Amino acid sequence: YGNDFDISRLKYDKIILMTDADVDGSHIDTLL
């Protein structure tokens, strides 16, 4: 319905997903 996204306001250069090295962790990565 619109776009209030502004990448210039991003607070972090890297967004790192850190989950367990198993199937559940991979599922969480997929959802994220």
PDB file of all heavy atoms in Angstrom:
ATOM      1  N   TYR A   1       0.802  -1.216   0.000  1.00  0.00           N
ATOM      2  CA  TYR A   1       0.000   0.000   0.000  1.00  0.00           C
ATOM      3  C   TYR A   1       0.837   1.269   0.000  1.00  0.00           C
ATOM      4  O   TYR A   1       0.367   2.341   0.231  1.00  0.00           O
ATOM      5  CB  TYR A   1      -0.915   0.001   1.231  1.00  0.00           C
ATOM      6  CG  TYR A   1      -1.712  -1.254   1.331  1.00  0.00           C
ATOM      7  CD1 TYR A   1      -1.507  -2.157   2.356  1.00  0.00           C
ATOM      8  CD2 TYR A   1      -2.629  -1.568   0.346  1.00  0.00           C
ATOM      9  CE1 TYR A   1      -2.232  -3.325   2.412  1.00  0.00           C
ATOM     10  CE2 TYR A   1      -3.351  -2.743   0.402  1.00  0.00           C
ATOM     11  CZ  TYR A   1      -3.154  -3.607   1.434  1.00  0.00           C
ATOM     12  OH  TYR A   1      -3.861  -4.771   1.486  1.00  0.00           O
ATOM     13  N   GLY A   2       2.076   1.157  -0.250  1.00  0.00           N
ATOM     14  CA  GLY A   2       2.923   2.322  -0.228  1.00  0.00           C
ATOM     15  C   GLY A   2       4.310   1.901   0.203  1.00  0.00           C
ATOM     16  O   GLY A   2       4.609   0.726   0.298  1.00  0.00           O
ATOM     17  N   ASN A   3       5.171   2.864   0.462  1.00  0.00           N
ATOM     18  CA  ASN A   3       6.544   2.520   0.771  1.00  0.00           C
ATOM     19  C   ASN A   3       7.141   3.585   1.660  1.00  0.00           C
ATOM     20  O   ASN A   3       7.424   4.698   1.214  1.00  0.00           O
ATOM     21  CB  ASN A   3       7.343   2.395  -0.535  1.00  0.00           C
ATOM     22  CG  ASN A   3       8.739   1.885  -0.293  1.00  0.00           C
ATOM     23  OD1 ASN A   3       9.151   1.712   0.841  1.00  0.00           O
ATOM     24  ND2 ASN A   3       9.459   1.648  -1.365  1.00  0.00           N
ATOM     25  N   ASP A   4       7.319   3.266   2.952  1.00  0.00           N
ATOM     26  CA  ASP A   4       8.013   4.205   3.820  1.00  0.00           C
ATOM     27  C   ASP A   4       9.427   3.712   4.099  1.00  0.00           C
ATOM     28  O   ASP A   4      10.068   4.125   5.049  1.00  0.00           O
ATOM     29  CB  ASP A   4       7.241   4.427   5.128  1.00  0.00           C
ATOM     30  CG  ASP A   4       7.107   3.162   5.972  1.00  0.00           C
ATOM     31  OD1 ASP A   4       7.608   2.105   5.538  1.00  0.00           O
ATOM     32  OD2 ASP A   4       6.519   3.249   7.062  1.00  0.00           O
ATOM     33  N   PHE A   5       9.912   2.804   3.235  1.00  0.00           N
ATOM     34  CA  PHE A   5      11.258   2.267   3.390  1.00  0.00           C
ATOM     35  C   PHE A   5      12.268   3.284   2.881  1.00  0.00           C
ATOM     36  O   PHE A   5      12.146   3.831   1.793  1.00  0.00           O
ATOM     37  CB  PHE A   5      11.409   0.959   2.608  1.00  0.00           C
ATOM     38  CG  PHE A   5      12.761   0.326   2.757  1.00  0.00           C
ATOM     39  CD1 PHE A   5      13.014  -0.555   3.794  1.00  0.00           C
ATOM     40  CD2 PHE A   5      13.781   0.614   1.868  1.00  0.00           C
ATOM     41  CE1 PHE A   5      14.260  -1.139   3.938  1.00  0.00           C
ATOM     42  CE2 PHE A   5      15.028   0.040   2.000  1.00  0.00           C
ATOM     43  CZ  PHE A   5      15.268  -0.839   3.034  1.00  0.00           C
ATOM     44  N   ASP A   6      13.300   3.534   3.688  1.00  0.00           N
ATOM     45  CA  ASP A   6      14.379   4.451   3.312  1.00  0.00           C
ATOM     46  C   ASP A   6      15.693   3.842   3.769  1.00  0.00           C
ATOM     47  O   ASP A   6      16.025   3.853   4.947  1.00  0.00           O
ATOM     48  CB  ASP A   6      14.164   5.815   3.967  1.00  0.00           C
ATOM     49  CG  ASP A   6      15.241   6.824   3.572  1.00  0.00           C
ATOM     50  OD1 ASP A   6      16.168   6.452   2.822  1.00  0.00           O
ATOM     51  OD2 ASP A   6      15.163   7.985   4.017  1.00  0.00           O
ATOM     52  N   ILE A   7      16.444   3.295   2.818  1.00  0.00           N
ATOM     53  CA  ILE A   7      17.657   2.564   3.177  1.00  0.00           C
ATOM     54  C   ILE A   7      18.727   3.474   3.771  1.00  0.00           C
ATOM     55  O   ILE A   7      19.630   3.005   4.469  1.00  0.00           O
ATOM     56  CB  ILE A   7      18.209   1.799   1.944  1.00  0.00           C
ATOM     57  CG1 ILE A   7      19.111   0.643   2.399  1.00  0.00           C
ATOM     58  CG2 ILE A   7      18.924   2.741   0.986  1.00  0.00           C
ATOM     59  CD1 ILE A   7      19.413  -0.357   1.315  1.00  0.00           C
ATOM     60  N   SER A   8      18.620   4.771   3.537  1.00  0.00           N
ATOM     61  CA  SER A   8      19.604   5.697   4.120  1.00  0.00           C
ATOM     62  C   SER A   8      19.481   5.768   5.638  1.00  0.00           C
ATOM     63  O   SER A   8      20.395   6.235   6.318  1.00  0.00           O
ATOM     64  CB  SER A   8      19.433   7.094   3.520  1.00  0.00           C
ATOM     65  OG  SER A   8      18.203   7.680   3.912  1.00  0.00           O
ATOM     66  N   ARG A   9      18.338   5.291   6.185  1.00  0.00           N
ATOM     67  CA  ARG A   9      18.154   5.293   7.644  1.00  0.00           C
ATOM     68  C   ARG A   9      18.614   3.987   8.303  1.00  0.00           C
ATOM     69  O   ARG A   9      18.504   3.835   9.515  1.00  0.00           O
ATOM     70  CB  ARG A   9      16.681   5.520   7.989  1.00  0.00           C
ATOM     71  CG  ARG A   9      16.088   6.781   7.391  1.00  0.00           C
ATOM     72  CD  ARG A   9      14.836   7.233   8.139  1.00  0.00           C
ATOM     73  NE  ARG A   9      13.880   6.167   8.345  1.00  0.00           N
ATOM     74  CZ  ARG A   9      12.782   5.980   7.619  1.00  0.00           C
ATOM     75  NH1 ARG A   9      12.532   6.777   6.590  1.00  0.00           N
ATOM     76  NH2 ARG A   9      11.947   5.000   7.889  1.00  0.00           N
ATOM     77  N   LEU A  10      19.124   3.065   7.501  1.00  0.00           N
ATOM     78  CA  LEU A  10      19.565   1.769   8.031  1.00  0.00           C
ATOM     79  C   LEU A  10      20.673   1.969   9.064  1.00  0.00           C
ATOM     80  O   LEU A  10      21.656   2.671   8.810  1.00  0.00           O
ATOM     81  CB  LEU A  10      20.071   0.886   6.887  1.00  0.00           C
ATOM     82  CG  LEU A  10      20.564  -0.514   7.261  1.00  0.00           C
ATOM     83  CD1 LEU A  10      19.440  -1.349   7.852  1.00  0.00           C
ATOM     84  CD2 LEU A  10      21.171  -1.213   6.045  1.00  0.00           C
ATOM     85  N   LYS A  11      20.520   1.334  10.224  1.00  0.00           N
ATOM     86  CA  LYS A  11      21.468   1.537  11.330  1.00  0.00           C
ATOM     87  C   LYS A  11      22.659   0.590  11.302  1.00  0.00           C
ATOM     88  O   LYS A  11      23.627   0.789  12.037  1.00  0.00           O
ATOM     89  CB  LYS A  11      20.730   1.375  12.667  1.00  0.00           C
ATOM     90  CG  LYS A  11      19.632   2.395  12.902  1.00  0.00           C
ATOM     91  CD  LYS A  11      18.909   2.123  14.215  1.00  0.00           C
ATOM     92  CE  LYS A  11      17.775   3.111  14.439  1.00  0.00           C
ATOM     93  NZ  LYS A  11      17.020   2.817  15.692  1.00  0.00           N
ATOM     94  N   TYR A  12      22.588  -0.466  10.477  1.00  0.00           N
ATOM     95  CA  TYR A  12      23.648  -1.474  10.480  1.00  0.00           C
ATOM     96  C   TYR A  12      24.020  -1.852   9.044  1.00  0.00           C
ATOM     97  O   TYR A  12      23.153  -2.096   8.216  1.00  0.00           O
ATOM     98  CB  TYR A  12      23.191  -2.742  11.229  1.00  0.00           C
ATOM     99  CG  TYR A  12      22.649  -2.470  12.608  1.00  0.00           C
ATOM    100  CD1 TYR A  12      21.268  -2.320  12.805  1.00  0.00           C
ATOM    101  CD2 TYR A  12      23.489  -2.351  13.705  1.00  0.00           C
ATOM    102  CE1 TYR A  12      20.753  -2.060  14.062  1.00  0.00           C
ATOM    103  CE2 TYR A  12      22.982  -2.089  14.966  1.00  0.00           C
ATOM    104  CZ  TYR A  12      21.611  -1.942  15.143  1.00  0.00           C
ATOM    105  OH  TYR A  12      21.104  -1.687  16.389  1.00  0.00           O
ATOM    106  N   ASP A  13      25.322  -1.907   8.777  1.00  0.00           N
ATOM    107  CA  ASP A  13      25.773  -2.281   7.441  1.00  0.00           C
ATOM    108  C   ASP A  13      25.531  -3.761   7.168  1.00  0.00           C
ATOM    109  O   ASP A  13      25.250  -4.152   6.041  1.00  0.00           O
ATOM    110  CB  ASP A  13      27.267  -1.978   7.285  1.00  0.00           C
ATOM    111  CG  ASP A  13      27.764  -2.296   5.888  1.00  0.00           C
ATOM    112  OD1 ASP A  13      27.322  -1.635   4.946  1.00  0.00           O
ATOM    113  OD2 ASP A  13      28.588  -3.228   5.754  1.00  0.00           O
ATOM    114  N   LYS A  14      25.649  -4.584   8.215  1.00  0.00           N
ATOM    115  CA  LYS A  14      25.434  -6.021   8.062  1.00  0.00           C
ATOM    116  C   LYS A  14      24.311  -6.478   8.987  1.00  0.00           C
ATOM    117  O   LYS A  14      24.319  -6.185  10.189  1.00  0.00           O
ATOM    118  CB  LYS A  14      26.713  -6.812   8.391  1.00  0.00           C
ATOM    119  CG  LYS A  14      27.824  -6.686   7.372  1.00  0.00           C
ATOM    120  CD  LYS A  14      28.991  -7.599   7.746  1.00  0.00           C
ATOM    121  CE  LYS A  14      30.082  -7.586   6.679  1.00  0.00           C
ATOM    122  NZ  LYS A  14      30.753  -6.269   6.585  1.00  0.00           N
ATOM    123  N   ILE A  15      23.354  -7.200   8.400  1.00  0.00           N
ATOM    124  CA  ILE A  15      22.309  -7.870   9.172  1.00  0.00           C
ATOM    125  C   ILE A  15      22.598  -9.356   9.048  1.00  0.00           C
ATOM    126  O   ILE A  15      22.502  -9.926   7.960  1.00  0.00           O
ATOM    127  CB  ILE A  15      20.917  -7.533   8.623  1.00  0.00           C
ATOM    128  CG1 ILE A  15      20.648  -6.025   8.780  1.00  0.00           C
ATOM    129  CG2 ILE A  15      19.841  -8.347   9.332  1.00  0.00           C
ATOM    130  CD1 ILE A  15      19.407  -5.550   8.059  1.00  0.00           C
ATOM    131  N   ILE A  16      22.986  -9.977  10.158  1.00  0.00           N
ATOM    132  CA  ILE A  16      23.495 -11.353  10.122  1.00  0.00           C
ATOM    133  C   ILE A  16      22.536 -12.283  10.865  1.00  0.00           C
ATOM    134  O   ILE A  16      22.264 -12.093  12.052  1.00  0.00           O
ATOM    135  CB  ILE A  16      24.902 -11.427  10.759  1.00  0.00           C
ATOM    136  CG1 ILE A  16      25.848 -10.445  10.047  1.00  0.00           C
ATOM    137  CG2 ILE A  16      25.447 -12.855  10.693  1.00  0.00           C
ATOM    138  CD1 ILE A  16      27.174 -10.254  10.751  1.00  0.00           C
ATOM    139  N   LEU A  17      22.012 -13.266  10.140  1.00  0.00           N
ATOM    140  CA  LEU A  17      21.125 -14.252  10.757  1.00  0.00           C
ATOM    141  C   LEU A  17      21.992 -15.346  11.362  1.00  0.00           C
ATOM    142  O   LEU A  17      22.768 -15.997  10.667  1.00  0.00           O
ATOM    143  CB  LEU A  17      20.178 -14.847   9.712  1.00  0.00           C
ATOM    144  CG  LEU A  17      19.477 -13.849   8.770  1.00  0.00           C
ATOM    145  CD1 LEU A  17      18.481 -14.581   7.884  1.00  0.00           C
ATOM    146  CD2 LEU A  17      18.787 -12.740   9.549  1.00  0.00           C
ATOM    147  N   MET A  18      21.862 -15.546  12.667  1.00  0.00           N
ATOM    148  CA  MET A  18      22.727 -16.497  13.366  1.00  0.00           C
ATOM    149  C   MET A  18      21.854 -17.531  14.077  1.00  0.00           C
ATOM    150  O   MET A  18      21.360 -17.311  15.185  1.00  0.00           O
ATOM    151  CB  MET A  18      23.643 -15.772  14.365  1.00  0.00           C
ATOM    152  CG  MET A  18      24.764 -16.645  14.909  1.00  0.00           C
ATOM    153  SD  MET A  18      26.036 -15.695  15.770  1.00  0.00           S
ATOM    154  CE  MET A  18      25.211 -15.338  17.318  1.00  0.00           C
ATOM    155  N   THR A  19      21.647 -18.676  13.410  1.00  0.00           N
ATOM    156  CA  THR A  19      20.797 -19.723  13.959  1.00  0.00           C
ATOM    157  C   THR A  19      21.579 -21.030  14.042  1.00  0.00           C
ATOM    158  O   THR A  19      22.696 -21.137  13.537  1.00  0.00           O
ATOM    159  CB  THR A  19      19.551 -19.929  13.078  1.00  0.00           C
ATOM    160  OG1 THR A  19      19.969 -20.283  11.751  1.00  0.00           O
ATOM    161  CG2 THR A  19      18.721 -18.654  13.002  1.00  0.00           C
ATOM    162  N   ASP A  20      20.970 -22.016  14.662  1.00  0.00           N
ATOM    163  CA  ASP A  20      21.639 -23.310  14.814  1.00  0.00           C
ATOM    164  C   ASP A  20      21.887 -23.956  13.452  1.00  0.00           C
ATOM    165  O   ASP A  20      21.111 -23.781  12.506  1.00  0.00           O
ATOM    166  CB  ASP A  20      20.783 -24.254  15.672  1.00  0.00           C
ATOM    167  CG  ASP A  20      20.712 -23.802  17.121  1.00  0.00           C
ATOM    168  OD1 ASP A  20      21.555 -22.984  17.521  1.00  0.00           O
ATOM    169  OD2 ASP A  20      19.805 -24.269  17.839  1.00  0.00           O
ATOM    170  N   ALA A  21      22.964 -24.749  13.369  1.00  0.00           N
ATOM    171  CA  ALA A  21      23.326 -25.422  12.116  1.00  0.00           C
ATOM    172  C   ALA A  21      22.556 -26.728  11.970  1.00  0.00           C
ATOM    173  O   ALA A  21      23.128 -27.806  11.855  1.00  0.00           O
ATOM    174  CB  ALA A  21      24.834 -25.666  12.081  1.00  0.00           C
ATOM    175  N   ASP A  22      21.219 -26.641  11.987  1.00  0.00           N
ATOM    176  CA  ASP A  22      20.382 -27.831  11.810  1.00  0.00           C
ATOM    177  C   ASP A  22      19.151 -27.449  11.001  1.00  0.00           C
ATOM    178  O   ASP A  22      19.020 -26.312  10.529  1.00  0.00           O
ATOM    179  CB  ASP A  22      19.993 -28.429  13.172  1.00  0.00           C
ATOM    180  CG  ASP A  22      19.263 -27.436  14.076  1.00  0.00           C
ATOM    181  OD1 ASP A  22      18.795 -26.392  13.567  1.00  0.00           O
ATOM    182  OD2 ASP A  22      19.149 -27.706  15.280  1.00  0.00           O
ATOM    183  N   VAL A  23      18.235 -28.395  10.820  1.00  0.00           N
ATOM    184  CA  VAL A  23      17.057 -28.146   9.998  1.00  0.00           C
ATOM    185  C   VAL A  23      16.182 -27.042  10.593  1.00  0.00           C
ATOM    186  O   VAL A  23      15.669 -26.185   9.872  1.00  0.00           O
ATOM    187  CB  VAL A  23      16.243 -29.451   9.820  1.00  0.00           C
ATOM    188  CG1 VAL A  23      14.890 -29.155   9.182  1.00  0.00           C
ATOM    189  CG2 VAL A  23      17.019 -30.441   8.963  1.00  0.00           C
ATOM    190  N   ASP A  24      16.005 -27.043  11.928  1.00  0.00           N
ATOM    191  CA  ASP A  24      15.202 -25.995  12.554  1.00  0.00           C
ATOM    192  C   ASP A  24      15.821 -24.618  12.330  1.00  0.00           C
ATOM    193  O   ASP A  24      15.118 -23.636  12.062  1.00  0.00           O
ATOM    194  CB  ASP A  24      15.057 -26.258  14.058  1.00  0.00           C
ATOM    195  CG  ASP A  24      13.982 -27.298  14.355  1.00  0.00           C
ATOM    196  OD1 ASP A  24      13.142 -27.539  13.477  1.00  0.00           O
ATOM    197  OD2 ASP A  24      14.005 -27.877  15.457  1.00  0.00           O
ATOM    198  N   GLY A  25      17.151 -24.559  12.445  1.00  0.00           N
ATOM    199  CA  GLY A  25      17.842 -23.297  12.197  1.00  0.00           C
ATOM    200  C   GLY A  25      17.654 -22.828  10.766  1.00  0.00           C
ATOM    201  O   GLY A  25      17.426 -21.638  10.512  1.00  0.00           O
ATOM    202  N   SER A  26      17.726 -23.767   9.824  1.00  0.00           N
ATOM    203  CA  SER A  26      17.525 -23.414   8.414  1.00  0.00           C
ATOM    204  C   SER A  26      16.100 -22.928   8.168  1.00  0.00           C
ATOM    205  O   SER A  26      15.872 -22.026   7.359  1.00  0.00           O
ATOM    206  CB  SER A  26      17.814 -24.626   7.524  1.00  0.00           C
ATOM    207  OG  SER A  26      19.177 -25.002   7.615  1.00  0.00           O
ATOM    208  N   HIS A  27      15.131 -23.537   8.878  1.00  0.00           N
ATOM    209  CA  HIS A  27      13.739 -23.100   8.725  1.00  0.00           C
ATOM    210  C   HIS A  27      13.565 -21.677   9.242  1.00  0.00           C
ATOM    211  O   HIS A  27      12.881 -20.854   8.624  1.00  0.00           O
ATOM    212  CB  HIS A  27      12.811 -24.055   9.477  1.00  0.00           C
ATOM    213  CG  HIS A  27      11.355 -23.795   9.204  1.00  0.00           C
ATOM    214  ND1 HIS A  27      10.355 -24.153  10.078  1.00  0.00           N
ATOM    215  CD2 HIS A  27      10.734 -23.198   8.155  1.00  0.00           C
ATOM    216  CE1 HIS A  27       9.184 -23.788   9.587  1.00  0.00           C
ATOM    217  NE2 HIS A  27       9.384 -23.211   8.412  1.00  0.00           N
ATOM    218  N   ILE A  28      14.198 -21.372  10.354  1.00  0.00           N
ATOM    219  CA  ILE A  28      14.125 -20.008  10.891  1.00  0.00           C
ATOM    220  C   ILE A  28      14.773 -19.023   9.925  1.00  0.00           C
ATOM    221  O   ILE A  28      14.246 -17.936   9.672  1.00  0.00           O
ATOM    222  CB  ILE A  28      14.786 -19.944  12.287  1.00  0.00           C
ATOM    223  CG1 ILE A  28      13.958 -20.756  13.286  1.00  0.00           C
ATOM    224  CG2 ILE A  28      14.912 -18.494  12.757  1.00  0.00           C
ATOM    225  CD1 ILE A  28      14.618 -20.939  14.636  1.00  0.00           C
ATOM    226  N   ASP A  29      15.930 -19.410   9.361  1.00  0.00           N
ATOM    227  CA  ASP A  29      16.569 -18.564   8.350  1.00  0.00           C
ATOM    228  C   ASP A  29      15.608 -18.292   7.191  1.00  0.00           C
ATOM    229  O   ASP A  29      15.508 -17.168   6.696  1.00  0.00           O
ATOM    230  CB  ASP A  29      17.836 -19.236   7.801  1.00  0.00           C
ATOM    231  CG  ASP A  29      18.996 -19.200   8.778  1.00  0.00           C
ATOM    232  OD1 ASP A  29      18.966 -18.359   9.696  1.00  0.00           O
ATOM    233  OD2 ASP A  29      19.915 -20.013   8.621  1.00  0.00           O
ATOM    234  N   THR A  30      14.909 -19.333   6.748  1.00  0.00           N
ATOM    235  CA  THR A  30      13.985 -19.203   5.622  1.00  0.00           C
ATOM    236  C   THR A  30      12.842 -18.247   5.944  1.00  0.00           C
ATOM    237  O   THR A  30      12.465 -17.405   5.123  1.00  0.00           O
ATOM    238  CB  THR A  30      13.411 -20.581   5.237  1.00  0.00           C
ATOM    239  OG1 THR A  30      14.490 -21.467   4.917  1.00  0.00           O
ATOM    240  CG2 THR A  30      12.482 -20.475   4.042  1.00  0.00           C
ATOM    241  N   LEU A  31      12.299 -18.352   7.146  1.00  0.00           N
ATOM    242  CA  LEU A  31      11.222 -17.450   7.559  1.00  0.00           C
ATOM    243  C   LEU A  31      11.713 -16.005   7.628  1.00  0.00           C
ATOM    244  O   LEU A  31      11.024 -15.071   7.200  1.00  0.00           O
ATOM    245  CB  LEU A  31      10.668 -17.889   8.915  1.00  0.00           C
ATOM    246  CG  LEU A  31       9.881 -19.209   8.924  1.00  0.00           C
ATOM    247  CD1 LEU A  31       9.646 -19.677  10.356  1.00  0.00           C
ATOM    248  CD2 LEU A  31       8.551 -19.062   8.192  1.00  0.00           C
ATOM    249  N   LEU A  32      12.920 -15.819   8.163  1.00  0.00           N
ATOM    250  CA  LEU A  32      13.489 -14.471   8.261  1.00  0.00           C
ATOM    251  C   LEU A  32      13.762 -13.892   6.872  1.00  0.00           C
ATOM    252  O   LEU A  32      13.485 -12.715   6.609  1.00  0.00           O
ATOM    253  CB  LEU A  32      14.777 -14.502   9.088  1.00  0.00           C
ATOM    254  CG  LEU A  32      14.611 -14.733  10.588  1.00  0.00           C
ATOM    255  CD1 LEU A  32      15.949 -15.045  11.241  1.00  0.00           C
ATOM    256  CD2 LEU A  32      13.981 -13.513  11.252  1.00  0.00           C
TER     257      LEU A  32
END
